[in-house]
Amino acid sequence: MEQINNKMSTYIDMAIEYAPKVLLGLLALLIGLWIISKIVKMLGNVMNRSSLDKSVQPFLLSLVGVILKVMLLFSVAETVGLQTTSFIAVLAAAGFAVGMALANFAAGVMVLIFKPYKVGDLVQAQDQLGHIDEVQIFNTIMTTLDHKQVIIPNGRAISGTITNLSHHDYMRVDCNVYIPYEQDFAEAQQIATDALKSVPKALSEPAPYVEIESFESHNIKLCARTHCSDADYWDVFFAANKNLKEAFAKAGIKINYAEGVHQGNY
């Protein structure tokens, strides 16, 4: 019983000694995080008013945020009574996580230097297709075409094949039309070309064109191609198919069963 009382007394003494420090540390942490968020926000406003590259801004902001938070953690650790050397030893023990963070940081620097993509580009990476929102120090933030946010670690983002669909000034939109063998190709070609020329948001240069793609078992497969900016791809894609259907129907030309259409390429 006496041993239990001694332990309880020890625990109470430790609580009395460390509780104020812990509470003070938590308070300092919360206030410090609030101040850091204000500093980063203020710095972001300054960057927005400057001529700094939009792709660099999120990287620098996240870098400043991480540095300030690390400094805050060291300050809080000292407030609580932890030795800085012990705190560093804990970080060293998490070597794998630290190594991954450094690898993603290095990859983020490579993205900013070599610019395989930048903010606003339509990019396919790691089986994800979307517009780049931010390039942070550890991650690349992307919004997919179906409006989902995807976070890709920078190390993974550049470890595979990257397809930048915004690198050139335009994208190609591919549509397929299937016509009977008895249909005159020149007539069908002219009708389809005129239909593509009237598609809203489609580019006049490069000019749209229609050619025979293949001879199927029961029909002829035509490829009808036009071009647009990456931002207008889906609008042009759907409008092109609509115009083709209406143009062939107006001309009295039967469109055979279509086995599918393909997305545009450069």
Protein backbone atom coordinates (compact mmCIF):
# COMPACT_ATOMS: atom_id res chain seq x y z
CA MET A 1 0.00 0.00 0.00
CA GLU A 2 2.86 2.30 0.90
CA GLN A 3 4.50 1.56 -2.48
CA ILE A 4 1.30 2.54 -4.31
CA ASN A 5 1.09 5.76 -2.33
CA ASN A 6 4.70 6.56 -3.19
CA LYS A 7 4.02 6.05 -6.91
CA MET A 8 0.89 8.17 -6.77
CA SER A 9 2.85 10.90 -5.03
CA THR A 10 5.52 10.72 -7.71
CA TYR A 11 2.95 10.97 -10.51
CA ILE A 12 1.27 13.93 -8.83
CA ASP A 13 4.62 15.70 -8.44
CA MET A 14 5.41 15.07 -12.13
CA ALA A 15 1.98 16.38 -13.16
CA ILE A 16 2.45 19.50 -11.04
CA GLU A 17 5.91 20.04 -12.54
CA TYR A 18 5.17 19.32 -16.22
CA ALA A 19 1.46 20.21 -16.62
CA PRO A 20 2.07 23.98 -16.80
CA LYS A 21 4.89 23.43 -19.31
CA VAL A 22 2.72 21.15 -21.47
CA LEU A 23 -0.20 23.57 -21.39
CA LEU A 24 2.14 26.47 -22.17
CA GLY A 25 3.63 24.44 -25.02
CA LEU A 26 0.19 23.64 -26.49
CA LEU A 27 -0.81 27.29 -26.23
CA ALA A 28 2.43 28.36 -27.91
CA LEU A 29 1.87 25.76 -30.64
CA LEU A 30 -1.68 26.94 -31.39
CA ILE A 31 -0.72 30.61 -31.39
CA GLY A 32 2.38 29.89 -33.48
CA LEU A 33 0.40 27.95 -36.10
CA TRP A 34 -2.13 30.81 -36.29
CA ILE A 35 0.66 33.36 -36.77
CA ILE A 36 2.35 31.18 -39.42
CA SER A 37 -0.91 30.86 -41.38
CA LYS A 38 -1.25 34.66 -41.32
CA ILE A 39 2.36 35.13 -42.47
CA VAL A 40 1.97 32.63 -45.32
CA LYS A 41 -1.33 34.23 -46.39
CA MET A 42 0.21 37.70 -46.33
CA LEU A 43 3.22 36.47 -48.31
CA GLY A 44 0.84 34.86 -50.82
CA ASN A 45 -0.96 38.17 -51.34
CA VAL A 46 2.37 39.89 -51.95
CA MET A 47 3.35 37.21 -54.48
CA ASN A 48 0.01 37.54 -56.29
CA ARG A 49 0.67 41.23 -56.79
CA SER A 50 4.17 40.55 -58.08
CA SER A 51 5.32 39.19 -61.44
CA LEU A 52 6.52 35.93 -59.87
CA ASP A 53 5.75 32.77 -61.87
CA LYS A 54 2.44 31.26 -60.72
CA SER A 55 4.01 27.80 -60.69
CA VAL A 56 6.70 28.90 -58.23
CA GLN A 57 4.38 30.62 -55.76
CA PRO A 58 2.79 27.51 -54.10
CA PHE A 59 6.24 25.90 -53.85
CA LEU A 60 7.76 28.91 -52.07
CA LEU A 61 4.73 29.36 -49.81
CA SER A 62 4.75 25.72 -48.71
CA LEU A 63 8.54 25.88 -48.23
CA VAL A 64 8.23 28.95 -45.99
CA GLY A 65 5.38 27.27 -44.11
CA VAL A 66 7.39 24.10 -43.46
CA ILE A 67 10.47 26.02 -42.29
CA LEU A 68 8.43 28.17 -39.90
CA LYS A 69 6.58 25.13 -38.52
CA VAL A 70 9.86 23.25 -37.91
CA MET A 71 11.22 26.30 -36.07
CA LEU A 72 8.00 26.46 -34.06
CA LEU A 73 8.26 22.77 -33.09
CA PHE A 74 11.80 23.28 -31.82
CA SER A 75 10.66 26.30 -29.78
CA VAL A 76 7.72 24.39 -28.30
CA ALA A 77 9.99 21.43 -27.49
CA GLU A 78 12.30 23.70 -25.52
CA THR A 79 9.31 25.28 -23.76
CA VAL A 80 8.08 21.86 -22.65
CA GLY A 81 11.57 20.95 -21.48
CA LEU A 82 12.69 18.58 -24.22
CA GLN A 83 16.31 18.81 -25.22
CA THR A 84 16.81 19.88 -28.83
CA THR A 85 19.31 17.07 -29.33
CA SER A 86 16.70 14.55 -28.20
CA PHE A 87 14.17 16.09 -30.58
CA ILE A 88 16.63 15.76 -33.46
CA ALA A 89 17.28 12.15 -32.47
CA VAL A 90 13.55 11.43 -32.77
CA LEU A 91 13.52 12.90 -36.27
CA ALA A 92 16.59 10.85 -37.19
CA ALA A 93 14.82 7.71 -35.97
CA ALA A 94 12.10 8.43 -38.52
CA GLY A 95 14.74 8.26 -41.23
CA PHE A 96 12.52 6.61 -43.84
CA ALA A 97 9.84 9.29 -43.60
CA VAL A 98 12.50 12.01 -43.67
CA GLY A 99 14.13 10.40 -46.69
CA MET A 100 10.82 10.25 -48.57
CA ALA A 101 10.16 13.90 -47.72
CA LEU A 102 13.60 14.91 -49.02
CA ALA A 103 13.08 12.86 -52.20
CA ASN A 104 9.74 14.56 -52.87
CA PHE A 105 11.30 17.95 -52.12
CA ALA A 106 14.11 17.29 -54.61
CA ALA A 107 11.53 16.17 -57.19
CA GLY A 108 9.57 19.38 -56.62
CA VAL A 109 12.71 21.43 -57.29
CA MET A 110 13.27 19.45 -60.52
CA VAL A 111 9.70 20.20 -61.63
CA LEU A 112 10.28 23.93 -61.14
CA ILE A 113 13.65 23.83 -62.93
CA PHE A 114 12.85 21.60 -65.91
CA LYS A 115 9.12 22.48 -66.07
CA PRO A 116 7.60 19.23 -67.42
CA TYR A 117 4.34 20.89 -66.38
CA LYS A 118 3.21 24.11 -64.74
CA VAL A 119 0.11 25.46 -63.03
CA GLY A 120 -2.89 25.35 -65.38
CA ASP A 121 -1.53 22.61 -67.67
CA LEU A 122 -3.64 19.58 -68.54
CA VAL A 123 -1.42 16.67 -67.58
CA GLN A 124 -1.63 12.88 -67.45
CA ALA A 125 0.61 11.39 -64.75
CA GLN A 126 0.35 8.26 -62.61
CA ASP A 127 -2.86 7.24 -64.44
CA GLN A 128 -4.47 10.57 -63.51
CA LEU A 129 -5.63 13.20 -66.01
CA GLY A 130 -6.34 16.74 -64.88
CA HIS A 131 -5.28 20.36 -64.61
CA ILE A 132 -2.37 21.27 -62.34
CA ASP A 133 -3.50 23.50 -59.45
CA GLU A 134 -0.31 23.72 -57.38
CA VAL A 135 3.26 22.45 -57.30
CA GLN A 136 4.12 22.30 -53.58
CA ILE A 137 7.44 21.29 -52.02
CA PHE A 138 6.31 17.70 -51.47
CA ASN A 139 3.20 17.21 -53.64
CA THR A 140 1.57 18.19 -56.91
CA ILE A 141 -2.13 19.09 -56.60
CA MET A 142 -4.33 18.25 -59.58
CA THR A 143 -8.03 18.63 -60.39
CA THR A 144 -9.27 15.84 -62.65
CA LEU A 145 -11.71 16.34 -65.51
CA ASP A 146 -14.52 14.96 -63.33
CA HIS A 147 -13.64 17.60 -60.71
CA LYS A 148 -11.82 15.47 -58.14
CA GLN A 149 -8.75 16.70 -56.30
CA VAL A 150 -5.75 14.39 -56.66
CA ILE A 151 -2.57 14.78 -54.58
CA ILE A 152 0.49 13.13 -56.14
CA PRO A 153 3.85 13.06 -54.31
CA ASN A 154 6.38 14.88 -56.48
CA GLY A 155 8.69 11.86 -56.47
CA ARG A 156 5.97 9.68 -58.00
CA ALA A 157 4.78 12.41 -60.35
CA ILE A 158 8.12 12.54 -62.20
CA SER A 159 9.04 8.86 -61.83
CA GLY A 160 6.77 7.75 -64.68
CA THR A 161 5.69 9.00 -68.07
CA ILE A 162 4.22 12.52 -68.05
CA THR A 163 1.91 13.54 -70.89
CA ASN A 164 1.48 17.32 -71.00
CA LEU A 165 -1.57 17.94 -73.16
CA SER A 166 -1.13 21.72 -72.86
CA HIS A 167 2.45 21.85 -74.11
CA HIS A 168 1.34 22.75 -77.62
CA ASP A 169 -1.18 25.42 -78.48
CA TYR A 170 -3.98 23.01 -79.38
CA MET A 171 -5.34 19.49 -79.07
CA ARG A 172 -6.74 17.24 -81.77
CA VAL A 173 -10.30 15.96 -81.39
CA ASP A 174 -11.00 12.62 -83.04
CA CYS A 175 -14.50 11.48 -83.97
CA ASN A 176 -15.50 8.38 -85.92
CA VAL A 177 -18.36 7.95 -88.38
CA TYR A 178 -19.35 4.63 -89.96
CA ILE A 179 -20.90 4.71 -93.45
CA PRO A 180 -22.14 1.93 -95.77
CA TYR A 181 -19.82 0.65 -98.51
CA GLU A 182 -22.24 1.85 -101.20
CA GLN A 183 -22.03 5.46 -99.97
CA ASP A 184 -19.93 7.82 -102.11
CA PHE A 185 -16.89 8.74 -100.02
CA ALA A 186 -16.28 12.17 -101.59
CA GLU A 187 -19.82 13.25 -100.73
CA ALA A 188 -19.56 11.96 -97.16
CA GLN A 189 -16.15 13.60 -96.77
CA GLN A 190 -17.46 17.01 -97.83
CA ILE A 191 -20.51 16.78 -95.57
CA ALA A 192 -18.42 15.80 -92.56
CA THR A 193 -15.79 18.49 -93.22
CA ASP A 194 -18.45 21.20 -93.47
CA ALA A 195 -20.00 19.93 -90.23
CA LEU A 196 -16.68 20.20 -88.43
CA LYS A 197 -16.07 23.73 -89.72
CA SER A 198 -19.25 24.92 -88.00
CA VAL A 199 -18.35 23.51 -84.55
CA PRO A 200 -18.22 26.32 -81.96
CA LYS A 201 -14.79 26.87 -80.33
CA ALA A 202 -13.05 24.63 -82.89
CA LEU A 203 -9.95 26.14 -84.49
CA SER A 204 -9.88 27.04 -88.16
CA GLU A 205 -6.14 26.31 -88.22
CA PRO A 206 -5.13 23.54 -88.39
CA ALA A 207 -8.07 22.92 -90.69
CA PRO A 208 -10.42 20.00 -89.95
CA TYR A 209 -10.19 16.97 -92.20
CA VAL A 210 -11.98 13.69 -92.85
CA GLU A 211 -10.37 10.51 -94.19
CA ILE A 212 -10.97 6.75 -94.32
CA GLU A 213 -9.46 5.15 -91.22
CA SER A 214 -10.25 1.50 -91.95
CA PHE A 215 -12.49 -0.91 -93.83
CA GLU A 216 -14.66 -2.82 -91.37
CA SER A 217 -16.58 -6.03 -92.07
CA HIS A 218 -19.87 -4.24 -92.73
CA ASN A 219 -19.00 -0.55 -93.08
CA ILE A 220 -16.32 2.04 -93.74
CA LYS A 221 -14.85 3.77 -90.70
CA LEU A 222 -14.16 7.48 -91.21
CA CYS A 223 -11.97 9.59 -88.93
CA ALA A 224 -13.22 13.16 -88.60
CA ARG A 225 -10.67 15.41 -86.94
CA THR A 226 -10.69 19.00 -85.76
CA HIS A 227 -8.62 20.98 -83.25
CA CYS A 228 -9.18 23.13 -80.17
CA SER A 229 -7.57 24.43 -76.98
CA ASP A 230 -7.30 21.98 -74.08
CA ALA A 231 -9.87 24.01 -72.09
CA ASP A 232 -12.47 23.56 -74.88
CA TYR A 233 -11.82 19.89 -75.62
CA TRP A 234 -15.07 18.38 -74.30
CA ASP A 235 -17.25 21.18 -75.67
CA VAL A 236 -15.75 20.66 -79.13
CA PHE A 237 -15.85 16.87 -78.84
CA PHE A 238 -19.58 16.73 -78.09
CA ALA A 239 -20.47 19.51 -80.55
CA ALA A 240 -18.53 17.80 -83.33
CA ASN A 241 -20.41 14.53 -82.87
CA LYS A 242 -23.71 16.42 -82.75
CA ASN A 243 -22.94 18.34 -85.96
CA LEU A 244 -21.85 15.17 -87.77
CA LYS A 245 -25.04 13.34 -86.81
CA GLU A 246 -27.27 16.24 -87.89
CA ALA A 247 -25.36 16.84 -91.15
CA PHE A 248 -25.57 13.22 -92.28
CA ALA A 249 -29.24 13.01 -91.29
CA LYS A 250 -30.02 16.19 -93.27
CA ALA A 251 -28.24 14.77 -96.32
CA GLY A 252 -30.19 11.52 -96.02
CA ILE A 253 -27.02 9.46 -95.49
CA LYS A 254 -27.35 6.50 -93.17
CA ILE A 255 -24.75 6.29 -90.40
CA ASN A 256 -24.02 2.69 -89.51
CA TYR A 257 -23.52 1.39 -86.00
CA ALA A 258 -20.43 3.07 -84.50
CA GLU A 259 -18.12 0.98 -82.36
CA GLY A 260 -16.82 3.97 -80.44
CA VAL A 261 -14.94 7.20 -80.67
CA HIS A 262 -11.50 8.10 -79.48
CA GLN A 263 -10.19 10.98 -77.45
CA GLY A 264 -8.02 13.59 -79.14
CA ASN A 265 -4.27 13.55 -79.49
CA TYR A 266 -1.70 16.04 -80.56
